[in-house]
C-alpha atoms as a PDB file:
ATOM      1  CA  MET A   1       0.076 -25.232   7.865  1.00  0.00           C
ATOM      2  CA  THR A   2      -3.405 -25.357   7.158  1.00  0.00           C
ATOM      3  CA  ALA A   3      -5.061 -23.220   4.727  1.00  0.00           C
ATOM      4  CA  THR A   4      -8.484 -21.671   5.690  1.00  0.00           C
ATOM      5  CA  PRO A   5     -10.998 -19.308   4.000  1.00  0.00           C
ATOM      6  CA  THR A   6     -10.059 -15.734   4.406  1.00  0.00           C
ATOM      7  CA  ARG A   7     -12.987 -13.211   4.729  1.00  0.00           C
ATOM      8  CA  LEU A   8     -12.666 -10.076   2.492  1.00  0.00           C
ATOM      9  CA  ARG A   9     -12.962  -6.550   3.202  1.00  0.00           C
ATOM     10  CA  LYS A  10     -14.359  -3.952   0.662  1.00  0.00           C
ATOM     11  CA  VAL A  11     -12.699  -0.334   0.193  1.00  0.00           C
ATOM     12  CA  THR A  12     -15.608   1.972   1.293  1.00  0.00           C
ATOM     13  CA  ALA A  13     -16.086   5.120  -0.484  1.00  0.00           C
ATOM     14  CA  VAL A  14     -15.730   8.450   1.198  1.00  0.00           C
ATOM     15  CA  ASP A  15     -19.043   9.639   2.968  1.00  0.00           C
ATOM     16  CA  SER A  16     -21.388  11.466   0.963  1.00  0.00           C
ATOM     17  CA  THR A  17     -21.726  13.998   3.697  1.00  0.00           C
ATOM     18  CA  GLU A  18     -17.963  14.886   2.881  1.00  0.00           C
ATOM     19  CA  GLU A  19     -16.838  17.997   0.803  1.00  0.00           C
ATOM     20  CA  PRO A  20     -16.879  16.942  -2.834  1.00  0.00           C
ATOM     21  CA  THR A  21     -13.478  15.811  -4.186  1.00  0.00           C
ATOM     22  CA  PRO A  22     -12.264  15.160  -7.870  1.00  0.00           C
ATOM     23  CA  ALA A  23     -12.920  11.758  -7.610  1.00  0.00           C
ATOM     24  CA  ARG A  24     -16.608  12.223  -7.460  1.00  0.00           C
ATOM     25  CA  ASP A  25     -16.420  15.353  -9.657  1.00  0.00           C
ATOM     26  CA  ALA A  26     -18.832  14.812 -12.853  1.00  0.00           C
ATOM     27  CA  GLU A  27     -15.892  16.887 -14.870  1.00  0.00           C
ATOM     28  CA  ALA A  28     -13.465  14.253 -13.972  1.00  0.00           C
ATOM     29  CA  PRO A  29     -12.148  12.244 -16.786  1.00  0.00           C
ATOM     30  CA  ALA A  30     -13.818   8.698 -17.635  1.00  0.00           C
ATOM     31  CA  LEU A  31     -10.521   6.781 -17.364  1.00  0.00           C
ATOM     32  CA  PHE A  32     -10.032   8.575 -14.029  1.00  0.00           C
ATOM     33  CA  ARG A  33     -13.113   7.809 -12.462  1.00  0.00           C
ATOM     34  CA  ASP A  34     -12.543   4.191 -13.720  1.00  0.00           C
ATOM     35  CA  ALA A  35      -9.490   3.928 -11.601  1.00  0.00           C
ATOM     36  CA  VAL A  36     -10.929   5.422  -8.641  1.00  0.00           C
ATOM     37  CA  ASP A  37     -13.871   2.861  -8.973  1.00  0.00           C
ATOM     38  CA  ALA A  38     -11.512   0.179  -9.385  1.00  0.00           C
ATOM     39  CA  LEU A  39      -9.795   1.080  -6.271  1.00  0.00           C
ATOM     40  CA  ASN A  40     -12.851   1.408  -4.220  1.00  0.00           C
ATOM     41  CA  THR A  41     -14.702  -1.822  -5.282  1.00  0.00           C
ATOM     42  CA  THR A  42     -11.259  -3.721  -4.858  1.00  0.00           C
ATOM     43  CA  GLN A  43     -11.427  -6.778  -1.800  1.00  0.00           C
ATOM     44  CA  VAL A  44      -8.767  -6.867   0.711  1.00  0.00           C
ATOM     45  CA  ARG A  45      -7.880  -9.237   3.259  1.00  0.00           C
ATOM     46  CA  ARG A  46      -9.268  -9.054   6.520  1.00  0.00           C
ATOM     47  CA  GLU A  47      -6.529  -7.874   8.455  1.00  0.00           C
ATOM     48  CA  VAL A  48      -6.143  -5.121   6.485  1.00  0.00           C
ATOM     49  CA  ARG A  49      -7.737  -1.304   6.757  1.00  0.00           C
ATOM     50  CA  VAL A  50      -8.581   0.882   3.481  1.00  0.00           C
ATOM     51  CA  GLU A  51     -10.289   3.941   4.013  1.00  0.00           C
ATOM     52  CA  PRO A  52     -10.099   7.008   1.426  1.00  0.00           C
ATOM     53  CA  LEU A  53      -7.974   9.755   2.559  1.00  0.00           C
ATOM     54  CA  ARG A  54      -7.750  13.396   1.151  1.00  0.00           C
ATOM     55  CA  PRO A  55      -5.335  13.309  -1.740  1.00  0.00           C
ATOM     56  CA  PRO A  56      -2.731  15.720  -2.617  1.00  0.00           C
ATOM     57  CA  GLN A  57      -3.811  18.353  -4.536  1.00  0.00           C
ATOM     58  CA  ARG A  58      -0.888  20.321  -6.604  1.00  0.00           C
ATOM     59  CA  LEU A  59       1.167  16.966  -8.313  1.00  0.00           C
ATOM     60  CA  ALA A  60      -1.345  16.545 -11.049  1.00  0.00           C
ATOM     61  CA  PRO A  61      -4.831  17.837 -12.466  1.00  0.00           C
ATOM     62  CA  TRP A  62      -6.714  14.894 -10.767  1.00  0.00           C
ATOM     63  CA  SER A  63      -5.947  12.784  -7.790  1.00  0.00           C
ATOM     64  CA  TYR A  64      -7.192  10.564  -5.234  1.00  0.00           C
ATOM     65  CA  ALA A  65      -5.768   8.517  -2.291  1.00  0.00           C
ATOM     66  CA  VAL A  66      -6.451   5.933  -0.075  1.00  0.00           C
ATOM     67  CA  SER A  67      -4.543   4.674   3.631  1.00  0.00           C
ATOM     68  CA  ALA A  68      -3.958   1.093   4.240  1.00  0.00           C
ATOM     69  CA  ASP A  69      -3.396  -0.282   7.787  1.00  0.00           C
ATOM     70  CA  VAL A  70      -2.384  -3.711   8.788  1.00  0.00           C
ATOM     71  CA  LEU A  71      -3.957  -4.607  11.916  1.00  0.00           C
ATOM     72  CA  ASP A  72      -3.652  -7.628  14.643  1.00  0.00           C
ATOM     73  CA  GLY A  73      -6.194  -9.141  16.641  1.00  0.00           C
ATOM     74  CA  GLU A  74      -6.391  -6.618  18.999  1.00  0.00           C
ATOM     75  CA  ASN A  75      -6.548  -3.912  16.351  1.00  0.00           C
ATOM     76  CA  ASN A  76      -3.206  -2.900  17.136  1.00  0.00           C
ATOM     77  CA  GLU A  77      -1.117  -1.496  13.876  1.00  0.00           C
ATOM     78  CA  LEU A  78       1.759  -3.344  12.083  1.00  0.00           C
ATOM     79  CA  ALA A  79       2.410  -2.030   9.223  1.00  0.00           C
ATOM     80  CA  THR A  80       0.792   1.400   7.399  1.00  0.00           C
ATOM     81  CA  GLY A  81       0.975   3.100   4.141  1.00  0.00           C
ATOM     82  CA  ARG A  82      -1.060   5.393   1.753  1.00  0.00           C
ATOM     83  CA  LEU A  83      -1.433   4.791  -2.241  1.00  0.00           C
ATOM     84  CA  VAL A  84      -2.025   7.927  -3.892  1.00  0.00           C
ATOM     85  CA  LEU A  85      -3.426   7.936  -7.522  1.00  0.00           C
ATOM     86  CA  LEU A  86      -2.285  10.867 -10.130  1.00  0.00           C
ATOM     87  CA  HIS A  87      -4.071  11.233 -13.204  1.00  0.00           C
ATOM     88  CA  ASP A  88      -2.740  13.593 -15.708  1.00  0.00           C
ATOM     89  CA  PRO A  89      -4.608  13.529 -19.239  1.00  0.00           C
ATOM     90  CA  ASP A  90      -1.982  15.001 -21.116  1.00  0.00           C
ATOM     91  CA  GLY A  91       0.721  12.583 -19.634  1.00  0.00           C
ATOM     92  CA  GLN A  92       3.915  13.699 -17.741  1.00  0.00           C
ATOM     93  CA  GLU A  93       7.362  12.642 -19.515  1.00  0.00           C
ATOM     94  CA  ALA A  94       8.612  10.965 -16.571  1.00  0.00           C
ATOM     95  CA  TRP A  95       5.718   8.840 -16.171  1.00  0.00           C
ATOM     96  CA  ASP A  96       5.407   7.302 -19.781  1.00  0.00           C
ATOM     97  CA  GLY A  97       1.480   7.635 -19.134  1.00  0.00           C
ATOM     98  CA  THR A  98      -1.390   8.930 -17.874  1.00  0.00           C
ATOM     99  CA  LEU A  99      -2.073   7.317 -14.827  1.00  0.00           C
ATOM    100  CA  ARG A 100       0.485   7.275 -11.965  1.00  0.00           C
ATOM    101  CA  LEU A 101       0.594   5.341  -8.423  1.00  0.00           C
ATOM    102  CA  VAL A 102       2.553   6.732  -5.549  1.00  0.00           C
ATOM    103  CA  ALA A 103       3.190   4.718  -2.644  1.00  0.00           C
ATOM    104  CA  TYR A 104       4.382   4.958   0.872  1.00  0.00           C
ATOM    105  CA  ALA A 105       4.587   2.026   3.338  1.00  0.00           C
ATOM    106  CA  SER A 106       6.152   1.715   6.916  1.00  0.00           C
ATOM    107  CA  ALA A 107       6.491  -1.356   9.342  1.00  0.00           C
ATOM    108  CA  GLU A 108       8.895  -2.079  12.134  1.00  0.00           C
ATOM    109  CA  LEU A 109      10.507  -5.105  11.748  1.00  0.00           C
ATOM    110  CA  ASP A 110      11.823  -8.280  13.588  1.00  0.00           C
ATOM    111  CA  PRO A 111      15.181  -6.911  15.048  1.00  0.00           C
ATOM    112  CA  GLN A 112      17.491  -9.422  13.845  1.00  0.00           C
ATOM    113  CA  MET A 113      16.582  -8.298  10.424  1.00  0.00           C
ATOM    114  CA  GLY A 114      18.318  -5.162  11.245  1.00  0.00           C
ATOM    115  CA  VAL A 115      21.754  -6.675  10.608  1.00  0.00           C
ATOM    116  CA  ASP A 116      21.128  -7.578   7.299  1.00  0.00           C
ATOM    117  CA  PRO A 117      22.606  -5.032   4.829  1.00  0.00           C
ATOM    118  CA  LEU A 118      19.968  -6.530   1.878  1.00  0.00           C
ATOM    119  CA  LEU A 119      17.098  -5.581   3.591  1.00  0.00           C
ATOM    120  CA  PRO A 120      16.698  -2.057   1.668  1.00  0.00           C
ATOM    121  CA  SER A 121      16.957  -4.693  -1.811  1.00  0.00           C
ATOM    122  CA  VAL A 122      14.550  -7.471  -0.215  1.00  0.00           C
ATOM    123  CA  GLY A 123      11.921  -4.436   0.692  1.00  0.00           C
ATOM    124  CA  TRP A 124      12.088  -3.102  -2.746  1.00  0.00           C
ATOM    125  CA  SER A 125      11.309  -6.664  -4.205  1.00  0.00           C
ATOM    126  CA  TRP A 126       8.327  -7.129  -1.937  1.00  0.00           C
ATOM    127  CA  LEU A 127       6.720  -4.549  -3.996  1.00  0.00           C
ATOM    128  CA  THR A 128       8.317  -5.427  -7.538  1.00  0.00           C
ATOM    129  CA  ASP A 129       7.165  -9.341  -6.918  1.00  0.00           C
ATOM    130  CA  ALA A 130       3.814  -8.461  -5.657  1.00  0.00           C
ATOM    131  CA  LEU A 131       3.172  -6.314  -8.439  1.00  0.00           C
ATOM    132  CA  GLU A 132       4.487  -9.150 -10.755  1.00  0.00           C
ATOM    133  CA  GLU A 133       2.157 -11.877  -8.800  1.00  0.00           C
ATOM    134  CA  ARG A 134      -1.068  -9.892  -8.921  1.00  0.00           C
ATOM    135  CA  GLY A 135      -0.623  -9.269 -13.060  1.00  0.00           C
ATOM    136  CA  ALA A 136      -0.326  -5.260 -12.458  1.00  0.00           C
ATOM    137  CA  ALA A 137       0.922  -4.049 -15.839  1.00  0.00           C
ATOM    138  CA  HIS A 138       3.131  -1.100 -14.856  1.00  0.00           C
ATOM    139  CA  ARG A 139       6.133   0.435 -16.266  1.00  0.00           C
ATOM    140  CA  ALA A 140       8.541   3.235 -15.117  1.00  0.00           C
ATOM    141  CA  ALA A 141       8.953   2.128 -11.712  1.00  0.00           C
ATOM    142  CA  GLY A 142      11.285   4.059  -9.338  1.00  0.00           C
ATOM    143  CA  GLY A 143      11.789   4.389  -5.639  1.00  0.00           C
ATOM    144  CA  THR A 144      13.656   4.546  -2.258  1.00  0.00           C
ATOM    145  CA  VAL A 145      13.643   2.052   0.924  1.00  0.00           C
ATOM    146  CA  THR A 146      14.848   3.563   3.798  1.00  0.00           C
ATOM    147  CA  GLN A 147      16.267   0.820   6.836  1.00  0.00           C
ATOM    148  CA  THR A 148      16.671   2.606  10.040  1.00  0.00           C
ATOM    149  CA  THR A 149      17.584   0.905  13.774  1.00  0.00           C
ATOM    150  CA  SER A 150      16.312   2.987  16.946  1.00  0.00           C
ATOM    151  CA  THR A 151      17.774   2.040  20.438  1.00  0.00           C
ATOM    152  CA  ARG A 152      15.181   3.147  23.562  1.00  0.00           C
ATOM    153  CA  PHE A 153      16.834   4.641  26.552  1.00  0.00           C
ATOM    154  CA  GLY A 154      15.382   5.341  30.043  1.00  0.00           C
ATOM    155  CA  ASP A 155      11.614   5.070  30.376  1.00  0.00           C
ATOM    156  CA  MET A 156      10.820   4.543  27.016  1.00  0.00           C
ATOM    157  CA  HIS A 157       8.209   1.560  26.102  1.00  0.00           C
ATOM    158  CA  GLY A 158       8.953  -1.020  24.096  1.00  0.00           C
ATOM    159  CA  PRO A 159      11.995  -3.101  22.927  1.00  0.00           C
ATOM    160  CA  ARG A 160      15.364  -1.759  23.424  1.00  0.00           C
ATOM    161  CA  THR A 161      16.206  -1.916  19.820  1.00  0.00           C
ATOM    162  CA  SER A 162      13.874  -1.512  16.691  1.00  0.00           C
ATOM    163  CA  VAL A 163      14.024  -1.861  13.107  1.00  0.00           C
ATOM    164  CA  GLY A 164      11.863   0.181  10.869  1.00  0.00           C
ATOM    165  CA  LEU A 165      11.480   0.025   7.039  1.00  0.00           C
ATOM    166  CA  GLU A 166      10.292   2.909   4.690  1.00  0.00           C
ATOM    167  CA  LEU A 167       9.400   2.486   1.349  1.00  0.00           C
ATOM    168  CA  ARG A 168       8.492   5.215  -0.911  1.00  0.00           C
ATOM    169  CA  ALA A 169       7.759   4.369  -4.645  1.00  0.00           C
ATOM    170  CA  SER A 170       5.628   5.188  -7.800  1.00  0.00           C
ATOM    171  CA  TRP A 171       4.589   3.351 -10.640  1.00  0.00           C
ATOM    172  CA  THR A 172       2.744   4.139 -14.016  1.00  0.00           C
ATOM    173  CA  ALA A 173      -0.310   1.773 -14.414  1.00  0.00           C
ATOM    174  CA  GLY A 174      -0.953   0.455 -17.611  1.00  0.00           C
ATOM    175  CA  THR A 175      -4.989   0.301 -17.281  1.00  0.00           C
ATOM    176  CA  ALA A 176      -7.788   1.993 -15.194  1.00  0.00           C
ATOM    177  CA  GLU A 177      -7.808  -1.724 -13.372  1.00  0.00           C
ATOM    178  CA  LEU A 178      -5.718  -0.953 -10.368  1.00  0.00           C
ATOM    179  CA  GLY A 179      -7.528  -3.490  -8.355  1.00  0.00           C
ATOM    180  CA  ALA A 180      -4.752  -5.427  -8.823  1.00  0.00           C
ATOM    181  CA  HIS A 181      -2.156  -2.674  -8.193  1.00  0.00           C
ATOM    182  CA  LEU A 182      -3.819  -2.085  -4.917  1.00  0.00           C
ATOM    183  CA  LEU A 183      -3.855  -5.983  -3.616  1.00  0.00           C
ATOM    184  CA  ALA A 184      -0.236  -5.547  -4.508  1.00  0.00           C
ATOM    185  CA  PHE A 185       0.388  -2.933  -2.390  1.00  0.00           C
ATOM    186  CA  VAL A 186      -1.682  -4.643   0.470  1.00  0.00           C
ATOM    187  CA  ASP A 187       0.790  -7.746  -0.146  1.00  0.00           C
ATOM    188  CA  LEU A 188       3.583  -5.314   0.274  1.00  0.00           C
ATOM    189  CA  LEU A 189       2.147  -4.251   3.704  1.00  0.00           C
ATOM    190  CA  CYS A 190       1.436  -7.741   4.995  1.00  0.00           C
ATOM    191  CA  LEU A 191       4.893  -8.863   4.218  1.00  0.00           C
ATOM    192  CA  ALA A 192       6.555  -6.353   6.198  1.00  0.00           C
ATOM    193  CA  ALA A 193       3.815  -6.708   9.035  1.00  0.00           C
ATOM    194  CA  GLY A 194       5.017 -10.662   9.047  1.00  0.00           C
ATOM    195  CA  LEU A 195       1.883 -11.928   8.078  1.00  0.00           C
ATOM    196  CA  PRO A 196       1.503 -14.931   6.403  1.00  0.00           C
ATOM    197  CA  PRO A 197       0.399 -15.378   2.571  1.00  0.00           C
ATOM    198  CA  GLU A 198      -3.908 -15.133   2.641  1.00  0.00           C
ATOM    199  CA  GLY A 199      -5.567 -17.793   3.243  1.00  0.00           C
ATOM    200  CA  VAL A 200      -3.013 -19.412   5.191  1.00  0.00           C
ATOM    201  CA  THR A 201      -3.042 -19.981   9.108  1.00  0.00           C
ATOM    202  CA  ILE A 202       0.283 -21.020  10.539  1.00  0.00           C
ATOM    203  CA  LEU A 203      -0.248 -23.597  13.188  1.00  0.00           C
ATOM    204  CA  SER A 204       1.707 -23.059  16.989  1.00  0.00           C
ATOM    205  CA  THR A 205       3.569 -26.087  17.882  1.00  0.00           C
ATOM    206  CA  PRO A 206       2.649 -27.372  21.256  1.00  0.00           C
END
């Protein structure tokens, strides 16, 4: 394997012509605005496209969301996900804090992985290990990992058997510095997509 520089891409902010959202509301709490700014200024690896997404409106007084898609060289989607930021200045008992991140990730895996009964545990460890390695201070993490196997018949295109992994998780951030949390989420998606670690290129054998 040969390490090569990896170009970075910055998360783009919501276009100013769109309808105002709580993220840009001048009345939004400073902690929430700082958290949104951290998400919008975090640089991610070039294989990942991160874009603002309309957030859910009823889960907390303040919310913001981004989508994240891992793409190959031909712009095909390898994995996809959403990361939602919720802020309740009064806190919620289940959160143990005021900033809650809710994540959804989905990817189609190598069919050989479908026979591994530990796959859900492995998928969960991808998230928890990524948060730890990125130094993303968090607590009260919880979620589910679903493993699916699909078999195609007739004229359906694609491999006959496919294995999917879906992760739904949430955790409370220790601070408004959410860059590490977004990077950890991106790491999870890239692992699910089968990409090598950031900055590493796998050389093909002749």
